[in-house]
N, C-alpha and C. Protein backbone atom coordinates (compact mmCIF):
# COMPACT_ATOMS: atom_id res chain seq x y z
N MET A 1 93.17 138.48 86.21
CA MET A 1 93.36 137.19 86.84
C MET A 1 94.34 137.34 88.00
N ASP A 2 93.93 136.87 89.20
CA ASP A 2 94.82 136.97 90.35
C ASP A 2 95.90 135.88 90.29
N ASP A 3 96.87 135.96 91.19
CA ASP A 3 98.01 135.04 91.17
C ASP A 3 97.58 133.58 91.33
N ASP A 4 96.61 133.30 92.23
CA ASP A 4 96.16 131.93 92.44
C ASP A 4 95.50 131.37 91.18
N SER A 5 94.67 132.18 90.53
CA SER A 5 94.01 131.74 89.30
C SER A 5 95.02 131.51 88.20
N GLN A 6 96.01 132.39 88.12
CA GLN A 6 97.07 132.26 87.12
C GLN A 6 97.85 130.97 87.35
N HIS A 7 98.20 130.70 88.61
CA HIS A 7 98.94 129.50 88.95
C HIS A 7 98.11 128.25 88.61
N ALA A 8 96.82 128.25 88.96
CA ALA A 8 95.95 127.11 88.68
C ALA A 8 95.84 126.86 87.18
N ALA A 9 95.73 127.91 86.39
CA ALA A 9 95.64 127.77 84.94
C ALA A 9 96.93 127.21 84.37
N GLU A 10 98.07 127.69 84.85
CA GLU A 10 99.37 127.18 84.38
C GLU A 10 99.56 125.73 84.77
N PHE A 11 99.14 125.37 85.98
CA PHE A 11 99.27 123.99 86.44
C PHE A 11 98.41 123.06 85.60
N LYS A 12 97.19 123.47 85.30
CA LYS A 12 96.30 122.66 84.47
C LYS A 12 96.90 122.47 83.08
N THR A 13 97.46 123.52 82.51
CA THR A 13 98.11 123.43 81.20
C THR A 13 99.25 122.43 81.26
N TRP A 14 100.03 122.46 82.34
CA TRP A 14 101.13 121.52 82.53
C TRP A 14 100.60 120.09 82.66
N LEU A 15 99.53 119.89 83.44
CA LEU A 15 98.94 118.55 83.60
C LEU A 15 98.50 117.98 82.26
N ILE A 16 97.80 118.78 81.46
CA ILE A 16 97.31 118.32 80.16
C ILE A 16 98.49 117.92 79.27
N ALA A 17 99.49 118.78 79.19
CA ALA A 17 100.65 118.50 78.33
C ALA A 17 101.41 117.26 78.82
N THR A 18 101.57 117.12 80.12
CA THR A 18 102.29 115.98 80.68
C THR A 18 101.53 114.69 80.44
N PHE A 19 100.22 114.71 80.67
CA PHE A 19 99.41 113.51 80.42
C PHE A 19 99.53 113.09 78.96
N LYS A 20 99.35 114.03 78.04
CA LYS A 20 99.42 113.71 76.61
C LYS A 20 100.80 113.16 76.24
N HIS A 21 101.86 113.76 76.78
CA HIS A 21 103.23 113.31 76.50
C HIS A 21 103.43 111.87 76.99
N HIS A 22 103.03 111.60 78.23
CA HIS A 22 103.18 110.25 78.78
C HIS A 22 102.36 109.24 77.99
N TRP A 23 101.12 109.60 77.61
CA TRP A 23 100.26 108.71 76.84
C TRP A 23 100.94 108.34 75.51
N GLU A 24 101.49 109.31 74.86
CA GLU A 24 102.13 109.09 73.55
C GLU A 24 103.45 108.34 73.66
N ASN A 25 103.99 108.25 74.86
CA ASN A 25 105.29 107.61 75.06
C ASN A 25 105.21 106.39 75.98
N GLY A 26 104.15 105.63 75.87
CA GLY A 26 104.07 104.37 76.61
C GLY A 26 103.01 104.28 77.67
N GLY A 27 102.34 105.35 77.98
CA GLY A 27 101.24 105.29 78.95
C GLY A 27 101.50 106.11 80.18
N VAL A 28 100.45 106.25 80.97
CA VAL A 28 100.51 107.10 82.16
C VAL A 28 99.68 106.48 83.28
N VAL A 29 100.19 106.63 84.49
CA VAL A 29 99.49 106.17 85.69
C VAL A 29 99.19 107.40 86.53
N ILE A 30 97.93 107.52 86.95
CA ILE A 30 97.57 108.67 87.79
C ILE A 30 96.99 108.20 89.11
N GLY A 31 97.23 108.99 90.14
CA GLY A 31 96.58 108.83 91.42
C GLY A 31 95.55 109.93 91.53
N LEU A 32 94.36 109.60 92.03
CA LEU A 32 93.30 110.61 92.10
C LEU A 32 92.42 110.43 93.32
N ARG A 33 91.77 111.52 93.67
CA ARG A 33 90.78 111.51 94.75
C ARG A 33 89.40 111.35 94.10
N PRO A 34 88.76 110.20 94.24
CA PRO A 34 87.47 109.98 93.57
C PRO A 34 86.33 110.84 94.12
N GLN A 35 86.50 111.41 95.31
CA GLN A 35 85.44 112.25 95.88
C GLN A 35 85.37 113.62 95.22
N CYS A 36 86.34 113.95 94.40
CA CYS A 36 86.36 115.25 93.74
C CYS A 36 85.12 115.38 92.85
N PRO A 37 84.39 116.49 92.94
CA PRO A 37 83.18 116.66 92.12
C PRO A 37 83.45 116.45 90.63
N GLY A 38 82.55 115.70 90.00
CA GLY A 38 82.64 115.45 88.58
C GLY A 38 83.32 114.15 88.22
N THR A 39 84.00 113.52 89.19
CA THR A 39 84.69 112.26 88.92
C THR A 39 83.66 111.17 88.64
N ARG A 40 83.94 110.38 87.59
CA ARG A 40 83.06 109.26 87.24
C ARG A 40 83.92 108.00 87.09
N LEU A 41 83.70 107.07 88.02
CA LEU A 41 84.40 105.79 88.06
C LEU A 41 83.39 104.71 88.43
N PRO A 42 83.76 103.42 88.30
CA PRO A 42 82.86 102.38 88.80
C PRO A 42 82.56 102.61 90.28
N LYS A 43 81.34 102.28 90.68
CA LYS A 43 80.86 102.57 92.03
C LYS A 43 81.80 102.08 93.13
N HIS A 44 82.35 100.88 92.98
CA HIS A 44 83.20 100.32 94.04
C HIS A 44 84.48 101.13 94.24
N LEU A 45 84.92 101.88 93.24
CA LEU A 45 86.12 102.71 93.38
C LEU A 45 85.82 104.07 94.00
N MET A 46 84.59 104.53 93.85
CA MET A 46 84.22 105.85 94.36
C MET A 46 84.29 105.92 95.89
N GLU A 47 84.26 104.78 96.53
CA GLU A 47 84.29 104.73 97.99
C GLU A 47 85.70 104.84 98.56
N ASN A 48 86.71 104.69 97.71
CA ASN A 48 88.10 104.75 98.17
C ASN A 48 88.56 106.18 98.37
N GLU A 49 89.54 106.34 99.25
CA GLU A 49 90.13 107.66 99.47
C GLU A 49 91.04 108.05 98.31
N LEU A 50 91.74 107.05 97.75
CA LEU A 50 92.66 107.27 96.64
C LEU A 50 92.53 106.12 95.66
N VAL A 51 92.55 106.44 94.37
CA VAL A 51 92.45 105.44 93.31
C VAL A 51 93.61 105.66 92.34
N VAL A 52 94.19 104.57 91.86
CA VAL A 52 95.25 104.64 90.86
C VAL A 52 94.70 104.06 89.55
N LEU A 53 94.81 104.83 88.47
CA LEU A 53 94.36 104.38 87.15
C LEU A 53 95.55 104.28 86.21
N ASP A 54 95.54 103.23 85.41
CA ASP A 54 96.61 102.95 84.46
C ASP A 54 96.07 103.15 83.05
N TYR A 55 96.52 104.21 82.40
CA TYR A 55 96.14 104.48 81.01
C TYR A 55 97.23 103.88 80.13
N ASN A 56 96.96 102.67 79.62
CA ASN A 56 97.95 101.90 78.87
C ASN A 56 97.53 101.83 77.41
N PRO A 57 98.30 102.44 76.50
CA PRO A 57 97.93 102.40 75.08
C PRO A 57 98.01 100.99 74.49
N CYS A 58 98.65 100.05 75.20
CA CYS A 58 98.78 98.67 74.72
C CYS A 58 97.97 97.70 75.57
N ALA A 59 96.93 98.19 76.23
CA ALA A 59 96.13 97.36 77.12
C ALA A 59 95.45 96.23 76.35
N VAL A 60 95.16 95.13 77.06
CA VAL A 60 94.46 94.00 76.47
C VAL A 60 93.12 94.47 75.91
N VAL A 61 92.41 95.28 76.68
CA VAL A 61 91.20 95.92 76.19
C VAL A 61 91.61 97.35 75.82
N PRO A 62 91.73 97.64 74.52
CA PRO A 62 92.27 98.94 74.09
C PRO A 62 91.42 100.13 74.55
N ILE A 63 92.10 101.22 74.83
CA ILE A 63 91.42 102.48 75.15
C ILE A 63 91.30 103.23 73.83
N THR A 64 90.13 103.20 73.23
CA THR A 64 89.95 103.75 71.89
C THR A 64 89.33 105.14 71.87
N ASP A 65 88.85 105.60 73.02
CA ASP A 65 88.12 106.87 73.04
C ASP A 65 88.72 107.91 73.98
N LEU A 66 90.00 107.79 74.28
CA LEU A 66 90.65 108.72 75.21
C LEU A 66 90.55 110.15 74.70
N GLN A 67 90.09 111.04 75.57
CA GLN A 67 90.01 112.47 75.25
C GLN A 67 90.47 113.26 76.46
N THR A 68 91.21 114.33 76.20
CA THR A 68 91.55 115.27 77.25
C THR A 68 91.07 116.65 76.80
N ASN A 69 90.62 117.43 77.78
CA ASN A 69 90.22 118.80 77.49
C ASN A 69 90.48 119.63 78.74
N ASP A 70 89.99 120.85 78.76
CA ASP A 70 90.22 121.73 79.91
C ASP A 70 89.59 121.23 81.20
N LEU A 71 88.64 120.31 81.10
CA LEU A 71 87.95 119.80 82.29
C LEU A 71 88.60 118.57 82.88
N GLY A 72 89.15 117.69 82.01
CA GLY A 72 89.75 116.47 82.54
C GLY A 72 89.97 115.42 81.48
N ILE A 73 89.98 114.15 81.94
CA ILE A 73 90.28 113.00 81.09
C ILE A 73 89.03 112.15 80.98
N LEU A 74 88.61 111.87 79.75
CA LEU A 74 87.46 111.03 79.48
C LEU A 74 87.95 109.79 78.73
N ALA A 75 87.58 108.60 79.21
CA ALA A 75 88.01 107.37 78.54
C ALA A 75 87.16 106.21 79.03
N THR A 76 87.01 105.23 78.17
CA THR A 76 86.41 103.97 78.58
C THR A 76 87.56 103.06 79.00
N LEU A 77 87.55 102.70 80.29
CA LEU A 77 88.60 101.86 80.85
C LEU A 77 88.00 100.51 81.24
N SER A 78 88.86 99.51 81.29
CA SER A 78 88.44 98.16 81.63
C SER A 78 88.79 97.86 83.08
N PHE A 79 87.79 97.41 83.83
CA PHE A 79 87.98 96.98 85.22
C PHE A 79 87.48 95.54 85.29
N GLY A 80 88.40 94.60 85.44
CA GLY A 80 88.02 93.19 85.42
C GLY A 80 87.41 92.79 84.08
N ARG A 81 87.96 93.38 83.01
CA ARG A 81 87.52 93.15 81.62
C ARG A 81 86.08 93.60 81.36
N THR A 82 85.58 94.49 82.23
CA THR A 82 84.28 95.12 82.01
C THR A 82 84.53 96.59 81.72
N ALA A 83 83.98 97.07 80.61
CA ALA A 83 84.22 98.46 80.19
C ALA A 83 83.37 99.42 81.01
N HIS A 84 83.99 100.53 81.42
CA HIS A 84 83.31 101.59 82.16
C HIS A 84 83.73 102.93 81.59
N LYS A 85 82.76 103.79 81.30
CA LYS A 85 83.07 105.18 80.92
C LYS A 85 83.57 105.88 82.17
N THR A 86 84.71 106.53 82.07
CA THR A 86 85.27 107.24 83.22
C THR A 86 85.52 108.69 82.86
N PHE A 87 85.50 109.51 83.89
CA PHE A 87 85.90 110.91 83.74
C PHE A 87 86.67 111.31 84.99
N VAL A 88 87.86 111.89 84.79
CA VAL A 88 88.68 112.35 85.89
C VAL A 88 88.96 113.84 85.68
N PRO A 89 88.39 114.70 86.54
CA PRO A 89 88.72 116.12 86.45
C PRO A 89 90.18 116.35 86.84
N TRP A 90 90.80 117.33 86.23
CA TRP A 90 92.20 117.64 86.55
C TRP A 90 92.37 117.90 88.04
N GLU A 91 91.37 118.51 88.67
CA GLU A 91 91.46 118.85 90.09
C GLU A 91 91.52 117.60 90.98
N ALA A 92 91.09 116.44 90.47
CA ALA A 92 91.09 115.21 91.26
C ALA A 92 92.47 114.56 91.31
N ILE A 93 93.35 114.91 90.38
CA ILE A 93 94.64 114.23 90.26
C ILE A 93 95.62 114.71 91.33
N VAL A 94 96.20 113.72 92.02
CA VAL A 94 97.18 114.03 93.06
C VAL A 94 98.58 113.52 92.70
N GLY A 95 98.70 112.76 91.62
CA GLY A 95 99.99 112.27 91.18
C GLY A 95 99.92 111.72 89.78
N MET A 96 101.05 111.78 89.06
CA MET A 96 101.11 111.30 87.69
C MET A 96 102.52 110.81 87.40
N LYS A 97 102.61 109.62 86.78
CA LYS A 97 103.90 109.04 86.42
C LYS A 97 103.77 108.35 85.07
N THR A 98 104.89 108.13 84.44
CA THR A 98 104.88 107.27 83.26
C THR A 98 104.63 105.84 83.74
N ARG A 99 104.14 105.00 82.85
CA ARG A 99 103.95 103.59 83.20
C ARG A 99 105.29 102.96 83.56
N GLU A 100 106.33 103.36 82.85
CA GLU A 100 107.67 102.81 83.11
C GLU A 100 108.11 103.15 84.54
N GLU A 101 107.91 104.40 84.96
CA GLU A 101 108.27 104.79 86.33
C GLU A 101 107.48 103.98 87.35
N ALA A 102 106.19 103.81 87.10
CA ALA A 102 105.34 103.06 88.03
C ALA A 102 105.76 101.60 88.10
N GLU A 103 106.08 100.99 86.95
CA GLU A 103 106.51 99.59 86.93
C GLU A 103 107.85 99.42 87.61
N THR A 104 108.76 100.36 87.44
CA THR A 104 110.07 100.30 88.08
C THR A 104 109.92 100.35 89.59
N GLU A 105 109.05 101.21 90.08
CA GLU A 105 108.84 101.32 91.52
C GLU A 105 108.25 100.05 92.09
N GLU A 106 107.31 99.42 91.34
CA GLU A 106 106.70 98.18 91.82
C GLU A 106 107.73 97.07 91.91
N ALA A 107 108.69 97.05 90.99
CA ALA A 107 109.70 95.99 90.95
C ALA A 107 110.83 96.21 91.93
N ALA A 108 111.00 97.44 92.37
CA ALA A 108 112.12 97.75 93.27
C ALA A 108 111.85 97.15 94.66
N PRO A 109 112.90 96.65 95.30
CA PRO A 109 112.70 96.13 96.66
C PRO A 109 112.34 97.27 97.61
N SER A 110 111.49 96.96 98.55
CA SER A 110 111.14 98.01 99.50
C SER A 110 112.31 98.27 100.43
N PRO A 111 112.45 99.53 100.83
CA PRO A 111 113.59 99.85 101.69
C PRO A 111 113.50 99.13 103.03
N LYS A 112 114.66 98.79 103.57
CA LYS A 112 114.68 98.14 104.88
C LYS A 112 114.29 99.17 105.93
N PRO A 113 113.48 98.74 106.88
CA PRO A 113 113.11 99.69 107.93
C PRO A 113 114.33 100.11 108.73
N LYS A 114 114.33 101.35 109.12
CA LYS A 114 115.44 101.86 109.94
C LYS A 114 115.30 101.33 111.35
N ARG A 115 116.40 100.98 111.91
CA ARG A 115 116.37 100.52 113.31
C ARG A 115 116.51 101.75 114.20
N HIS A 116 115.70 101.77 115.18
CA HIS A 116 115.76 102.87 116.14
C HIS A 116 116.50 102.43 117.39
N LEU A 117 117.48 103.20 117.75
CA LEU A 117 118.24 102.88 118.95
C LEU A 117 117.63 103.63 120.13
N SER A 118 117.54 102.93 121.20
CA SER A 118 117.07 103.62 122.39
C SER A 118 118.18 103.61 123.44
N LEU A 119 118.30 104.68 124.11
CA LEU A 119 119.30 104.79 125.16
C LEU A 119 118.64 104.44 126.47
N VAL A 120 119.27 103.53 127.19
CA VAL A 120 118.69 103.11 128.47
C VAL A 120 119.47 103.71 129.59
């Protein structure tokens, strides 16, 4: 196994462990590229450049079939209270946070824009 393959395998192992840890400790929010081969989402989301999914173990519509394996994340998620079978390959994921981290960021005030001084 070359260095790149070794790194990719280690990163995937880390992603799987991190996702499972976050799921077991309150949920996980992921950012993903829906154009990645193998991704399965509702059609209207596949057209986006980036999609954010919230895997909430306490969701109003429970996620009862969540599975992770070497290929990715399989789950039936609710979009507008309509259930959709989804699949997210690990390669599609561009970011991952706990639900708590994501909620804290949403509640935080946005930073004030920096003023740029111009010399005349």
